[in-house]
Amino acid sequence: MLNENFPLTEAALNKLVNGGSVEFCLYTPRSRTGMRTWELKIKNPDNSRKMIVIRDYGFEIKTETIEIHPFKTRAERNAEILRLYNEDNLSQTFLADFFGISQPSVSLIVNSKGKTKPEID
């Protein structure tokens, strides 16, 4: 799942996932921000999930745990996807996997911005 370009040691990764497991890893050699980026979907021992993003800025490698705001409705989920895409610069492919929808559905959500919000399943 993790490729040879992965910037962290196994021990550092284990510390990040804190007893959880990596369910999905998306490596982007040139993300929207221009940096090499690894987006990790982590399943915690309590069956909750979290997102960890690792960005290689060239002069340093930074890791960030992305906060996910709770939601209960489809509209709230879509708003959260839009927020994660715009504020945290997550990829559409990663968001699709994390939320269990297709990438084209994420594209509709992030490109509908001020228009009427699509009801995507």
PDB file of N, CA and C in Angstrom:
ATOM      1  N   MET A   1       0.827  -1.192   0.000  1.00  0.00           N
ATOM      2  CA  MET A   1       0.000   0.000   0.000  1.00  0.00           C
ATOM      3  C   MET A   1       0.872   1.258   0.000  1.00  0.00           C
ATOM      4  N   LEU A   2       1.917   1.303   0.806  1.00  0.00           N
ATOM      5  CA  LEU A   2       2.815   2.447   0.837  1.00  0.00           C
ATOM      6  C   LEU A   2       3.947   2.183  -0.144  1.00  0.00           C
ATOM      7  N   ASN A   3       4.337   3.208  -0.903  1.00  0.00           N
ATOM      8  CA  ASN A   3       5.350   3.003  -1.932  1.00  0.00           C
ATOM      9  C   ASN A   3       6.750   3.320  -1.432  1.00  0.00           C
ATOM     10  N   GLU A   4       7.733   3.093  -2.297  1.00  0.00           N
ATOM     11  CA  GLU A   4       9.132   3.276  -1.921  1.00  0.00           C
ATOM     12  C   GLU A   4       9.483   4.740  -1.658  1.00  0.00           C
ATOM     13  N   ASN A   5       8.673   5.671  -2.125  1.00  0.00           N
ATOM     14  CA  ASN A   5       8.924   7.091  -1.893  1.00  0.00           C
ATOM     15  C   ASN A   5       8.394   7.576  -0.549  1.00  0.00           C
ATOM     16  N   PHE A   6       7.748   6.698   0.217  1.00  0.00           N
ATOM     17  CA  PHE A   6       7.128   7.107   1.474  1.00  0.00           C
ATOM     18  C   PHE A   6       8.193   7.685   2.401  1.00  0.00           C
ATOM     19  N   PRO A   7       7.976   8.914   2.916  1.00  0.00           N
ATOM     20  CA  PRO A   7       9.039   9.626   3.620  1.00  0.00           C
ATOM     21  C   PRO A   7       9.237   9.269   5.091  1.00  0.00           C
ATOM     22  N   LEU A   8       8.364   8.458   5.675  1.00  0.00           N
ATOM     23  CA  LEU A   8       8.470   8.159   7.099  1.00  0.00           C
ATOM     24  C   LEU A   8       8.975   6.746   7.331  1.00  0.00           C
ATOM     25  N   THR A   9       9.667   6.566   8.438  1.00  0.00           N
ATOM     26  CA  THR A   9      10.081   5.225   8.828  1.00  0.00           C
ATOM     27  C   THR A   9       8.858   4.469   9.332  1.00  0.00           C
ATOM     28  N   GLU A  10       8.998   3.169   9.420  1.00  0.00           N
ATOM     29  CA  GLU A  10       7.885   2.358   9.920  1.00  0.00           C
ATOM     30  C   GLU A  10       7.534   2.741  11.358  1.00  0.00           C
ATOM     31  N   ALA A  11       8.551   3.029  12.161  1.00  0.00           N
ATOM     32  CA  ALA A  11       8.306   3.423  13.553  1.00  0.00           C
ATOM     33  C   ALA A  11       7.542   4.745  13.626  1.00  0.00           C
ATOM     34  N   ALA A  12       7.906   5.709  12.786  1.00  0.00           N
ATOM     35  CA  ALA A  12       7.213   7.007  12.775  1.00  0.00           C
ATOM     36  C   ALA A  12       5.770   6.841  12.315  1.00  0.00           C
ATOM     37  N   LEU A  13       5.551   5.980  11.320  1.00  0.00           N
ATOM     38  CA  LEU A  13       4.190   5.727  10.844  1.00  0.00           C
ATOM     39  C   LEU A  13       3.358   5.063  11.935  1.00  0.00           C
ATOM     40  N   ASN A  14       3.928   4.071  12.624  1.00  0.00           N
ATOM     41  CA  ASN A  14       3.207   3.392  13.705  1.00  0.00           C
ATOM     42  C   ASN A  14       2.813   4.366  14.809  1.00  0.00           C
ATOM     43  N   LYS A  15       3.692   5.325  15.096  1.00  0.00           N
ATOM     44  CA  LYS A  15       3.377   6.335  16.110  1.00  0.00           C
ATOM     45  C   LYS A  15       2.205   7.208  15.644  1.00  0.00           C
ATOM     46  N   LEU A  16       2.181   7.548  14.359  1.00  0.00           N
ATOM     47  CA  LEU A  16       1.094   8.369  13.806  1.00  0.00           C
ATOM     48  C   LEU A  16      -0.252   7.655  13.854  1.00  0.00           C
ATOM     49  N   VAL A  17      -0.269   6.384  13.455  1.00  0.00           N
ATOM     50  CA  VAL A  17      -1.545   5.664  13.385  1.00  0.00           C
ATOM     51  C   VAL A  17      -2.006   5.192  14.759  1.00  0.00           C
ATOM     52  N   ASN A  18      -1.100   5.167  15.740  1.00  0.00           N
ATOM     53  CA  ASN A  18      -1.451   4.926  17.136  1.00  0.00           C
ATOM     54  C   ASN A  18      -2.337   3.695  17.339  1.00  0.00           C
ATOM     55  N   GLY A  19      -1.878   2.552  16.852  1.00  0.00           N
ATOM     56  CA  GLY A  19      -2.620   1.309  17.035  1.00  0.00           C
ATOM     57  C   GLY A  19      -3.638   1.028  15.955  1.00  0.00           C
ATOM     58  N   GLY A  20      -3.854   1.975  15.079  1.00  0.00           N
ATOM     59  CA  GLY A  20      -4.793   1.784  13.973  1.00  0.00           C
ATOM     60  C   GLY A  20      -4.096   1.159  12.775  1.00  0.00           C
ATOM     61  N   SER A  21      -4.807   1.107  11.670  1.00  0.00           N
ATOM     62  CA  SER A  21      -4.225   0.543  10.453  1.00  0.00           C
ATOM     63  C   SER A  21      -4.520   1.454   9.265  1.00  0.00           C
ATOM     64  N   VAL A  22      -3.606   1.453   8.300  1.00  0.00           N
ATOM     65  CA  VAL A  22      -3.781   2.249   7.089  1.00  0.00           C
ATOM     66  C   VAL A  22      -4.713   1.480   6.161  1.00  0.00           C
ATOM     67  N   GLU A  23      -5.889   2.044   5.891  1.00  0.00           N
ATOM     68  CA  GLU A  23      -6.853   1.414   4.983  1.00  0.00           C
ATOM     69  C   GLU A  23      -6.630   1.843   3.540  1.00  0.00           C
ATOM     70  N   PHE A  24      -6.151   3.065   3.358  1.00  0.00           N
ATOM     71  CA  PHE A  24      -5.971   3.607   2.010  1.00  0.00           C
ATOM     72  C   PHE A  24      -4.885   4.663   2.065  1.00  0.00           C
ATOM     73  N   CYS A  25      -4.014   4.660   1.070  1.00  0.00           N
ATOM     74  CA  CYS A  25      -2.969   5.674   0.966  1.00  0.00           C
ATOM     75  C   CYS A  25      -2.937   6.169  -0.466  1.00  0.00           C
ATOM     76  N   LEU A  26      -3.063   7.470  -0.636  1.00  0.00           N
ATOM     77  CA  LEU A  26      -2.986   8.063  -1.967  1.00  0.00           C
ATOM     78  C   LEU A  26      -1.740   8.931  -2.027  1.00  0.00           C
ATOM     79  N   TYR A  27      -0.826   8.578  -2.933  1.00  0.00           N
ATOM     80  CA  TYR A  27       0.392   9.362  -3.157  1.00  0.00           C
ATOM     81  C   TYR A  27       0.177  10.249  -4.368  1.00  0.00           C
ATOM     82  N   THR A  28       0.409  11.540  -4.202  1.00  0.00           N
ATOM     83  CA  THR A  28       0.293  12.492  -5.298  1.00  0.00           C
ATOM     84  C   THR A  28       1.646  13.177  -5.461  1.00  0.00           C
ATOM     85  N   PRO A  29       2.348  12.898  -6.569  1.00  0.00           N
ATOM     86  CA  PRO A  29       3.673  13.504  -6.749  1.00  0.00           C
ATOM     87  C   PRO A  29       3.639  15.032  -6.830  1.00  0.00           C
ATOM     88  N   ARG A  30       2.544  15.580  -7.334  1.00  0.00           N
ATOM     89  CA  ARG A  30       2.372  17.039  -7.399  1.00  0.00           C
ATOM     90  C   ARG A  30       0.927  17.360  -7.088  1.00  0.00           C
ATOM     91  N   SER A  31       0.657  17.643  -5.828  1.00  0.00           N
ATOM     92  CA  SER A  31      -0.714  17.954  -5.415  1.00  0.00           C
ATOM     93  C   SER A  31      -1.089  19.364  -5.872  1.00  0.00           C
ATOM     94  N   ARG A  32      -2.298  19.788  -5.542  1.00  0.00           N
ATOM     95  CA  ARG A  32      -2.744  21.145  -5.903  1.00  0.00           C
ATOM     96  C   ARG A  32      -1.833  22.212  -5.308  1.00  0.00           C
ATOM     97  N   THR A  33      -1.178  21.906  -4.201  1.00  0.00           N
ATOM     98  CA  THR A  33      -0.269  22.863  -3.572  1.00  0.00           C
ATOM     99  C   THR A  33       1.136  22.787  -4.161  1.00  0.00           C
ATOM    100  N   GLY A  34       1.392  21.808  -5.028  1.00  0.00           N
ATOM    101  CA  GLY A  34       2.701  21.668  -5.659  1.00  0.00           C
ATOM    102  C   GLY A  34       3.652  20.747  -4.922  1.00  0.00           C
ATOM    103  N   MET A  35       3.270  20.250  -3.758  1.00  0.00           N
ATOM    104  CA  MET A  35       4.130  19.388  -2.955  1.00  0.00           C
ATOM    105  C   MET A  35       3.791  17.911  -3.147  1.00  0.00           C
ATOM    106  N   ARG A  36       4.818  17.067  -2.939  1.00  0.00           N
ATOM    107  CA  ARG A  36       4.532  15.630  -2.867  1.00  0.00           C
ATOM    108  C   ARG A  36       3.670  15.426  -1.626  1.00  0.00           C
ATOM    109  N   THR A  37       2.592  14.645  -1.787  1.00  0.00           N
ATOM    110  CA  THR A  37       1.626  14.485  -0.700  1.00  0.00           C
ATOM    111  C   THR A  37       1.181  13.034  -0.588  1.00  0.00           C
ATOM    112  N   TRP A  38       1.075  12.568   0.650  1.00  0.00           N
ATOM    113  CA  TRP A  38       0.501  11.262   0.958  1.00  0.00           C
ATOM    114  C   TRP A  38      -0.726  11.518   1.814  1.00  0.00           C
ATOM    115  N   GLU A  39      -1.881  11.032   1.379  1.00  0.00           N
ATOM    116  CA  GLU A  39      -3.122  11.161   2.134  1.00  0.00           C
ATOM    117  C   GLU A  39      -3.474   9.770   2.658  1.00  0.00           C
ATOM    118  N   LEU A  40      -3.573   9.642   3.970  1.00  0.00           N
ATOM    119  CA  LEU A  40      -3.795   8.344   4.599  1.00  0.00           C
ATOM    120  C   LEU A  40      -5.165   8.284   5.257  1.00  0.00           C
ATOM    121  N   LYS A  41      -5.871   7.201   4.993  1.00  0.00           N
ATOM    122  CA  LYS A  41      -7.141   6.904   5.666  1.00  0.00           C
ATOM    123  C   LYS A  41      -6.811   5.862   6.728  1.00  0.00           C
ATOM    124  N   ILE A  42      -6.986   6.230   7.988  1.00  0.00           N
ATOM    125  CA  ILE A  42      -6.609   5.374   9.112  1.00  0.00           C
ATOM    126  C   ILE A  42      -7.861   4.864   9.811  1.00  0.00           C
ATOM    127  N   LYS A  43      -7.901   3.559  10.043  1.00  0.00           N
ATOM    128  CA  LYS A  43      -8.979   2.974  10.846  1.00  0.00           C
ATOM    129  C   LYS A  43      -8.428   2.742  12.247  1.00  0.00           C
ATOM    130  N   ASN A  44      -9.046   3.391  13.231  1.00  0.00           N
ATOM    131  CA  ASN A  44      -8.623   3.290  14.622  1.00  0.00           C
ATOM    132  C   ASN A  44      -9.130   1.990  15.240  1.00  0.00           C
ATOM    133  N   PRO A  45      -8.526   1.555  16.356  1.00  0.00           N
ATOM    134  CA  PRO A  45      -8.987   0.332  17.020  1.00  0.00           C
ATOM    135  C   PRO A  45     -10.460   0.377  17.433  1.00  0.00           C
ATOM    136  N   ASP A  46     -11.013   1.575  17.674  1.00  0.00           N
ATOM    137  CA  ASP A  46     -12.427   1.696  18.065  1.00  0.00           C
ATOM    138  C   ASP A  46     -13.365   1.785  16.853  1.00  0.00           C
ATOM    139  N   ASN A  47     -12.843   1.494  15.652  1.00  0.00           N
ATOM    140  CA  ASN A  47     -13.571   1.507  14.374  1.00  0.00           C
ATOM    141  C   ASN A  47     -13.910   2.902  13.857  1.00  0.00           C
ATOM    142  N   SER A  48     -13.430   3.950  14.510  1.00  0.00           N
ATOM    143  CA  SER A  48     -13.562   5.287  13.933  1.00  0.00           C
ATOM    144  C   SER A  48     -12.441   5.456  12.903  1.00  0.00           C
ATOM    145  N   ARG A  49     -12.529   6.501  12.115  1.00  0.00           N
ATOM    146  CA  ARG A  49     -11.504   6.743  11.104  1.00  0.00           C
ATOM    147  C   ARG A  49     -10.957   8.154  11.249  1.00  0.00           C
ATOM    148  N   LYS A  50      -9.751   8.341  10.754  1.00  0.00           N
ATOM    149  CA  LYS A  50      -9.161   9.675  10.716  1.00  0.00           C
ATOM    150  C   LYS A  50      -8.330   9.822   9.452  1.00  0.00           C
ATOM    151  N   MET A  51      -8.042  11.071   9.122  1.00  0.00           N
ATOM    152  CA  MET A  51      -7.220  11.396   7.958  1.00  0.00           C
ATOM    153  C   MET A  51      -5.894  11.955   8.447  1.00  0.00           C
ATOM    154  N   ILE A  52      -4.823  11.476   7.847  1.00  0.00           N
ATOM    155  CA  ILE A  52      -3.504  12.040   8.108  1.00  0.00           C
ATOM    156  C   ILE A  52      -2.905  12.416   6.762  1.00  0.00           C
ATOM    157  N   VAL A  53      -2.372  13.625   6.676  1.00  0.00           N
ATOM    158  CA  VAL A  53      -1.739  14.091   5.446  1.00  0.00           C
ATOM    159  C   VAL A  53      -0.267  14.337   5.734  1.00  0.00           C
ATOM    160  N   ILE A  54       0.580  13.821   4.853  1.00  0.00           N
ATOM    161  CA  ILE A  54       2.022  14.021   4.947  1.00  0.00           C
ATOM    162  C   ILE A  54       2.435  14.801   3.709  1.00  0.00           C
ATOM    163  N   ARG A  55       3.063  15.955   3.930  1.00  0.00           N
ATOM    164  CA  ARG A  55       3.499  16.789   2.806  1.00  0.00           C
ATOM    165  C   ARG A  55       5.009  16.979   2.858  1.00  0.00           C
ATOM    166  N   ASP A  56       5.648  16.790   1.707  1.00  0.00           N
ATOM    167  CA  ASP A  56       7.092  16.972   1.576  1.00  0.00           C
ATOM    168  C   ASP A  56       7.335  18.332   0.930  1.00  0.00           C
ATOM    169  N   TYR A  57       7.783  19.290   1.737  1.00  0.00           N
ATOM    170  CA  TYR A  57       8.026  20.646   1.260  1.00  0.00           C
ATOM    171  C   TYR A  57       9.437  20.817   0.685  1.00  0.00           C
ATOM    172  N   GLY A  58      10.220  19.754   0.664  1.00  0.00           N
ATOM    173  CA  GLY A  58      11.590  19.842   0.171  1.00  0.00           C
ATOM    174  C   GLY A  58      12.556  20.089   1.310  1.00  0.00           C
ATOM    175  N   PHE A  59      12.326  21.131   2.086  1.00  0.00           N
ATOM    176  CA  PHE A  59      13.197  21.443   3.217  1.00  0.00           C
ATOM    177  C   PHE A  59      12.716  20.801   4.509  1.00  0.00           C
ATOM    178  N   GLU A  60      11.476  20.287   4.512  1.00  0.00           N
ATOM    179  CA  GLU A  60      10.942  19.584   5.677  1.00  0.00           C
ATOM    180  C   GLU A  60       9.740  18.736   5.270  1.00  0.00           C
ATOM    181  N   ILE A  61       9.463  17.733   6.088  1.00  0.00           N
ATOM    182  CA  ILE A  61       8.294  16.876   5.893  1.00  0.00           C
ATOM    183  C   ILE A  61       7.370  17.123   7.079  1.00  0.00           C
ATOM    184  N   LYS A  62       6.128  17.495   6.776  1.00  0.00           N
ATOM    185  CA  LYS A  62       5.162  17.787   7.837  1.00  0.00           C
ATOM    186  C   LYS A  62       4.021  16.789   7.788  1.00  0.00           C
ATOM    187  N   THR A  63       3.558  16.398   8.967  1.00  0.00           N
ATOM    188  CA  THR A  63       2.379  15.540   9.063  1.00  0.00           C
ATOM    189  C   THR A  63       1.271  16.333   9.745  1.00  0.00           C
ATOM    190  N   GLU A  64       0.058  16.060   9.327  1.00  0.00           N
ATOM    191  CA  GLU A  64      -1.090  16.777   9.871  1.00  0.00           C
ATOM    192  C   GLU A  64      -2.270  15.814   9.980  1.00  0.00           C
ATOM    193  N   THR A  65      -2.892  15.784  11.143  1.00  0.00           N
ATOM    194  CA  THR A  65      -4.139  15.049  11.305  1.00  0.00           C
ATOM    195  C   THR A  65      -5.266  16.019  10.987  1.00  0.00           C
ATOM    196  N   ILE A  66      -6.092  15.644  10.028  1.00  0.00           N
ATOM    197  CA  ILE A  66      -7.159  16.516   9.552  1.00  0.00           C
ATOM    198  C   ILE A  66      -8.401  16.317  10.414  1.00  0.00           C
ATOM    199  N   GLU A  67      -8.947  17.413  10.906  1.00  0.00           N
ATOM    200  CA  GLU A  67     -10.167  17.353  11.713  1.00  0.00           C
ATOM    201  C   GLU A  67     -11.374  17.167  10.799  1.00  0.00           C
ATOM    202  N   ILE A  68     -12.219  16.226  11.160  1.00  0.00           N
ATOM    203  CA  ILE A  68     -13.447  15.975  10.410  1.00  0.00           C
ATOM    204  C   ILE A  68     -14.614  16.433  11.278  1.00  0.00           C
ATOM    205  N   HIS A  69     -15.396  17.366  10.753  1.00  0.00           N
ATOM    206  CA  HIS A  69     -16.559  17.855  11.494  1.00  0.00           C
ATOM    207  C   HIS A  69     -17.698  16.841  11.380  1.00  0.00           C
ATOM    208  N   PRO A  70     -18.374  16.544  12.486  1.00  0.00           N
ATOM    209  CA  PRO A  70     -19.479  15.578  12.439  1.00  0.00           C
ATOM    210  C   PRO A  70     -20.618  16.073  11.542  1.00  0.00           C
ATOM    211  N   PHE A  71     -21.309  15.124  10.936  1.00  0.00           N
ATOM    212  CA  PHE A  71     -22.461  15.463  10.095  1.00  0.00           C
ATOM    213  C   PHE A  71     -23.479  14.341  10.196  1.00  0.00           C
ATOM    214  N   LYS A  72     -24.728  14.663   9.880  1.00  0.00           N
ATOM    215  CA  LYS A  72     -25.791  13.661   9.937  1.00  0.00           C
ATOM    216  C   LYS A  72     -26.575  13.560   8.640  1.00  0.00           C
ATOM    217  N   THR A  73     -26.530  14.586   7.816  1.00  0.00           N
ATOM    218  CA  THR A  73     -27.311  14.581   6.582  1.00  0.00           C
ATOM    219  C   THR A  73     -26.391  14.621   5.364  1.00  0.00           C
ATOM    220  N   ARG A  74     -26.962  14.321   4.230  1.00  0.00           N
ATOM    221  CA  ARG A  74     -26.208  14.359   2.978  1.00  0.00           C
ATOM    222  C   ARG A  74     -25.701  15.775   2.697  1.00  0.00           C
ATOM    223  N   ALA A  75     -26.541  16.768   2.941  1.00  0.00           N
ATOM    224  CA  ALA A  75     -26.134  18.158   2.712  1.00  0.00           C
ATOM    225  C   ALA A  75     -24.960  18.542   3.617  1.00  0.00           C
ATOM    226  N   GLU A  76     -25.000  18.095   4.877  1.00  0.00           N
ATOM    227  CA  GLU A  76     -23.894  18.370   5.799  1.00  0.00           C
ATOM    228  C   GLU A  76     -22.630  17.641   5.361  1.00  0.00           C
ATOM    229  N   ARG A  77     -22.779  16.405   4.870  1.00  0.00           N
ATOM    230  CA  ARG A  77     -21.626  15.656   4.358  1.00  0.00           C
ATOM    231  C   ARG A  77     -21.010  16.393   3.177  1.00  0.00           C
ATOM    232  N   ASN A  78     -21.856  16.858   2.257  1.00  0.00           N
ATOM    233  CA  ASN A  78     -21.358  17.569   1.086  1.00  0.00           C
ATOM    234  C   ASN A  78     -20.633  18.851   1.484  1.00  0.00           C
ATOM    235  N   ALA A  79     -21.169  19.552   2.487  1.00  0.00           N
ATOM    236  CA  ALA A  79     -20.510  20.764   2.984  1.00  0.00           C
ATOM    237  C   ALA A  79     -19.151  20.422   3.588  1.00  0.00           C
ATOM    238  N   GLU A  80     -19.066  19.296   4.276  1.00  0.00           N
ATOM    239  CA  GLU A  80     -17.794  18.868   4.868  1.00  0.00           C
ATOM    240  C   GLU A  80     -16.795  18.490   3.781  1.00  0.00           C
ATOM    241  N   ILE A  81     -17.244  17.806   2.746  1.00  0.00           N
ATOM    242  CA  ILE A  81     -16.364  17.466   1.622  1.00  0.00           C
ATOM    243  C   ILE A  81     -15.831  18.742   0.979  1.00  0.00           C
ATOM    244  N   LEU A  82     -16.694  19.707   0.760  1.00  0.00           N
ATOM    245  CA  LEU A  82     -16.282  20.981   0.164  1.00  0.00           C
ATOM    246  C   LEU A  82     -15.261  21.692   1.053  1.00  0.00           C
ATOM    247  N   ARG A  83     -15.498  21.689   2.356  1.00  0.00           N
ATOM    248  CA  ARG A  83     -14.561  22.316   3.299  1.00  0.00           C
ATOM    249  C   ARG A  83     -13.199  21.630   3.263  1.00  0.00           C
ATOM    250  N   LEU A  84     -13.193  20.299   3.308  1.00  0.00           N
ATOM    251  CA  LEU A  84     -11.932  19.553   3.295  1.00  0.00           C
ATOM    252  C   LEU A  84     -11.164  19.779   1.998  1.00  0.00           C
ATOM    253  N   TYR A  85     -11.881  19.862   0.905  1.00  0.00           N
ATOM    254  CA  TYR A  85     -11.243  20.099  -0.395  1.00  0.00           C
ATOM    255  C   TYR A  85     -10.620  21.495  -0.449  1.00  0.00           C
ATOM    256  N   ASN A  86     -11.368  22.503  -0.019  1.00  0.00           N
ATOM    257  CA  ASN A  86     -10.894  23.887  -0.124  1.00  0.00           C
ATOM    258  C   ASN A  86      -9.925  24.294   0.980  1.00  0.00           C
ATOM    259  N   GLU A  87     -10.203  23.933   2.220  1.00  0.00           N
ATOM    260  CA  GLU A  87      -9.375  24.387   3.339  1.00  0.00           C
ATOM    261  C   GLU A  87      -8.152  23.511   3.565  1.00  0.00           C
ATOM    262  N   ASP A  88      -8.301  22.201   3.387  1.00  0.00           N
ATOM    263  CA  ASP A  88      -7.196  21.287   3.683  1.00  0.00           C
ATOM    264  C   ASP A  88      -6.507  20.761   2.429  1.00  0.00           C
ATOM    265  N   ASN A  89      -6.973  21.198   1.260  1.00  0.00           N
ATOM    266  CA  ASN A  89      -6.361  20.816  -0.022  1.00  0.00           C
ATOM    267  C   ASN A  89      -6.274  19.310  -0.224  1.00  0.00           C
ATOM    268  N   LEU A  90      -7.316  18.589   0.194  1.00  0.00           N
ATOM    269  CA  LEU A  90      -7.348  17.147  -0.030  1.00  0.00           C
ATOM    270  C   LEU A  90      -7.814  16.876  -1.457  1.00  0.00           C
ATOM    271  N   SER A  91      -7.360  15.764  -2.011  1.00  0.00           N
ATOM    272  CA  SER A  91      -7.706  15.430  -3.396  1.00  0.00           C
ATOM    273  C   SER A  91      -9.118  14.853  -3.483  1.00  0.00           C
ATOM    274  N   GLN A  92      -9.707  15.004  -4.647  1.00  0.00           N
ATOM    275  CA  GLN A  92     -11.037  14.444  -4.882  1.00  0.00           C
ATOM    276  C   GLN A  92     -11.013  12.926  -4.770  1.00  0.00           C
ATOM    277  N   THR A  93      -9.956  12.303  -5.264  1.00  0.00           N
ATOM    278  CA  THR A  93      -9.850  10.838  -5.212  1.00  0.00           C
ATOM    279  C   THR A  93      -9.830  10.345  -3.771  1.00  0.00           C
ATOM    280  N   PHE A  94      -9.041  11.012  -2.920  1.00  0.00           N
ATOM    281  CA  PHE A  94      -8.964  10.616  -1.519  1.00  0.00           C
ATOM    282  C   PHE A  94     -10.301  10.839  -0.813  1.00  0.00           C
ATOM    283  N   LEU A  95     -10.922  11.990  -1.039  1.00  0.00           N
ATOM    284  CA  LEU A  95     -12.216  12.276  -0.408  1.00  0.00           C
ATOM    285  C   LEU A  95     -13.274  11.263  -0.834  1.00  0.00           C
ATOM    286  N   ALA A  96     -13.247  10.875  -2.104  1.00  0.00           N
ATOM    287  CA  ALA A  96     -14.204   9.874  -2.591  1.00  0.00           C
ATOM    288  C   ALA A  96     -14.032   8.560  -1.837  1.00  0.00           C
ATOM    289  N   ASP A  97     -12.794   8.108  -1.688  1.00  0.00           N
ATOM    290  CA  ASP A  97     -12.551   6.853  -0.969  1.00  0.00           C
ATOM    291  C   ASP A  97     -12.962   6.987   0.495  1.00  0.00           C
ATOM    292  N   PHE A  98     -12.594   8.083   1.120  1.00  0.00           N
ATOM    293  CA  PHE A  98     -12.879   8.260   2.541  1.00  0.00           C
ATOM    294  C   PHE A  98     -14.379   8.251   2.827  1.00  0.00           C
ATOM    295  N   PHE A  99     -15.157   8.922   1.983  1.00  0.00           N
ATOM    296  CA  PHE A  99     -16.597   9.035   2.219  1.00  0.00           C
ATOM    297  C   PHE A  99     -17.414   7.969   1.494  1.00  0.00           C
ATOM    298  N   GLY A 100     -16.756   7.080   0.759  1.00  0.00           N
ATOM    299  CA  GLY A 100     -17.460   5.966   0.121  1.00  0.00           C
ATOM    300  C   GLY A 100     -18.335   6.377  -1.044  1.00  0.00           C
ATOM    301  N   ILE A 101     -17.905   7.395  -1.787  1.00  0.00           N
ATOM    302  CA  ILE A 101     -18.630   7.819  -2.980  1.00  0.00           C
ATOM    303  C   ILE A 101     -17.647   7.855  -4.147  1.00  0.00           C
ATOM    304  N   SER A 102     -18.138   8.107  -5.336  1.00  0.00           N
ATOM    305  CA  SER A 102     -17.254   8.128  -6.503  1.00  0.00           C
ATOM    306  C   SER A 102     -16.555   9.483  -6.634  1.00  0.00           C
ATOM    307  N   GLN A 103     -15.421   9.477  -7.329  1.00  0.00           N
ATOM    308  CA  GLN A 103     -14.703  10.730  -7.575  1.00  0.00           C
ATOM    309  C   GLN A 103     -15.548  11.710  -8.394  1.00  0.00           C
ATOM    310  N   PRO A 104     -16.290  11.247  -9.422  1.00  0.00           N
ATOM    311  CA  PRO A 104     -17.150  12.199 -10.132  1.00  0.00           C
ATOM    312  C   PRO A 104     -18.203  12.849  -9.220  1.00  0.00           C
ATOM    313  N   SER A 105     -18.681  12.122  -8.216  1.00  0.00           N
ATOM    314  CA  SER A 105     -19.626  12.710  -7.255  1.00  0.00           C
ATOM    315  C   SER A 105     -18.952  13.816  -6.445  1.00  0.00           C
ATOM    316  N   VAL A 106     -17.701  13.576  -6.035  1.00  0.00           N
ATOM    317  CA  VAL A 106     -16.956  14.615  -5.313  1.00  0.00           C
ATOM    318  C   VAL A 106     -16.749  15.822  -6.219  1.00  0.00           C
ATOM    319  N   SER A 107     -16.451  15.580  -7.484  1.00  0.00           N
ATOM    320  CA  SER A 107     -16.265  16.673  -8.439  1.00  0.00           C
ATOM    321  C   SER A 107     -17.522  17.537  -8.535  1.00  0.00           C
ATOM    322  N   LEU A 108     -18.681  16.900  -8.586  1.00  0.00           N
ATOM    323  CA  LEU A 108     -19.938  17.658  -8.616  1.00  0.00           C
ATOM    324  C   LEU A 108     -20.103  18.509  -7.360  1.00  0.00           C
ATOM    325  N   ILE A 109     -19.740  17.945  -6.218  1.00  0.00           N
ATOM    326  CA  ILE A 109     -19.876  18.665  -4.947  1.00  0.00           C
ATOM    327  C   ILE A 109     -18.949  19.877  -4.915  1.00  0.00           C
ATOM    328  N   VAL A 110     -17.678  19.690  -5.264  1.00  0.00           N
ATOM    329  CA  VAL A 110     -16.715  20.789  -5.137  1.00  0.00           C
ATOM    330  C   VAL A 110     -16.860  21.826  -6.243  1.00  0.00           C
ATOM    331  N   ASN A 111     -17.436  21.454  -7.365  1.00  0.00           N
ATOM    332  CA  ASN A 111     -17.592  22.411  -8.461  1.00  0.00           C
ATOM    333  C   ASN A 111     -18.954  23.086  -8.477  1.00  0.00           C
ATOM    334  N   SER A 112     -19.856  22.707  -7.556  1.00  0.00           N
ATOM    335  CA  SER A 112     -21.181  23.329  -7.507  1.00  0.00           C
ATOM    336  C   SER A 112     -21.193  24.554  -6.605  1.00  0.00           C
ATOM    337  N   LYS A 113     -20.110  24.778  -5.860  1.00  0.00           N
ATOM    338  CA  LYS A 113     -19.917  25.851  -4.881  1.00  0.00           C
ATOM    339  C   LYS A 113     -21.151  26.680  -4.561  1.00  0.00           C
ATOM    340  N   GLY A 114     -21.392  27.799  -5.233  1.00  0.00           N
ATOM    341  CA  GLY A 114     -22.500  28.677  -4.880  1.00  0.00           C
ATOM    342  C   GLY A 114     -23.807  28.301  -5.546  1.00  0.00           C
ATOM    343  N   LYS A 115     -23.769  27.353  -6.452  1.00  0.00           N
ATOM    344  CA  LYS A 115     -24.984  26.948  -7.154  1.00  0.00           C
ATOM    345  C   LYS A 115     -25.824  26.084  -6.227  1.00  0.00           C
ATOM    346  N   THR A 116     -26.937  25.620  -6.708  1.00  0.00           N
ATOM    347  CA  THR A 116     -27.733  24.711  -5.886  1.00  0.00           C
ATOM    348  C   THR A 116     -26.911  23.465  -5.622  1.00  0.00           C
ATOM    349  N   LYS A 117     -26.925  23.026  -4.399  1.00  0.00           N
ATOM    350  CA  LYS A 117     -26.093  21.894  -4.013  1.00  0.00           C
ATOM    351  C   LYS A 117     -26.695  20.597  -4.526  1.00  0.00           C
ATOM    352  N   PRO A 118     -25.879  19.784  -5.200  1.00  0.00           N
ATOM    353  CA  PRO A 118     -26.400  18.520  -5.709  1.00  0.00           C
ATOM    354  C   PRO A 118     -26.647  17.540  -4.568  1.00  0.00           C
ATOM    355  N   GLU A 119     -27.642  16.735  -4.717  1.00  0.00           N
ATOM    356  CA  GLU A 119     -27.929  15.678  -3.746  1.00  0.00           C
ATOM    357  C   GLU A 119     -27.256  14.412  -4.248  1.00  0.00           C
ATOM    358  N   ILE A 120     -26.027  14.186  -3.823  1.00  0.00           N
ATOM    359  CA  ILE A 120     -25.225  13.053  -4.282  1.00  0.00           C
ATOM    360  C   ILE A 120     -25.314  11.933  -3.258  1.00  0.00           C
ATOM    361  N   ASP A 121     -25.607  10.737  -3.724  1.00  0.00           N
ATOM    362  CA  ASP A 121     -25.635   9.577  -2.812  1.00  0.00           C
ATOM    363  C   ASP A 121     -24.264   9.009  -2.626  1.00  0.00           C
TER     364      ASP A 121
END
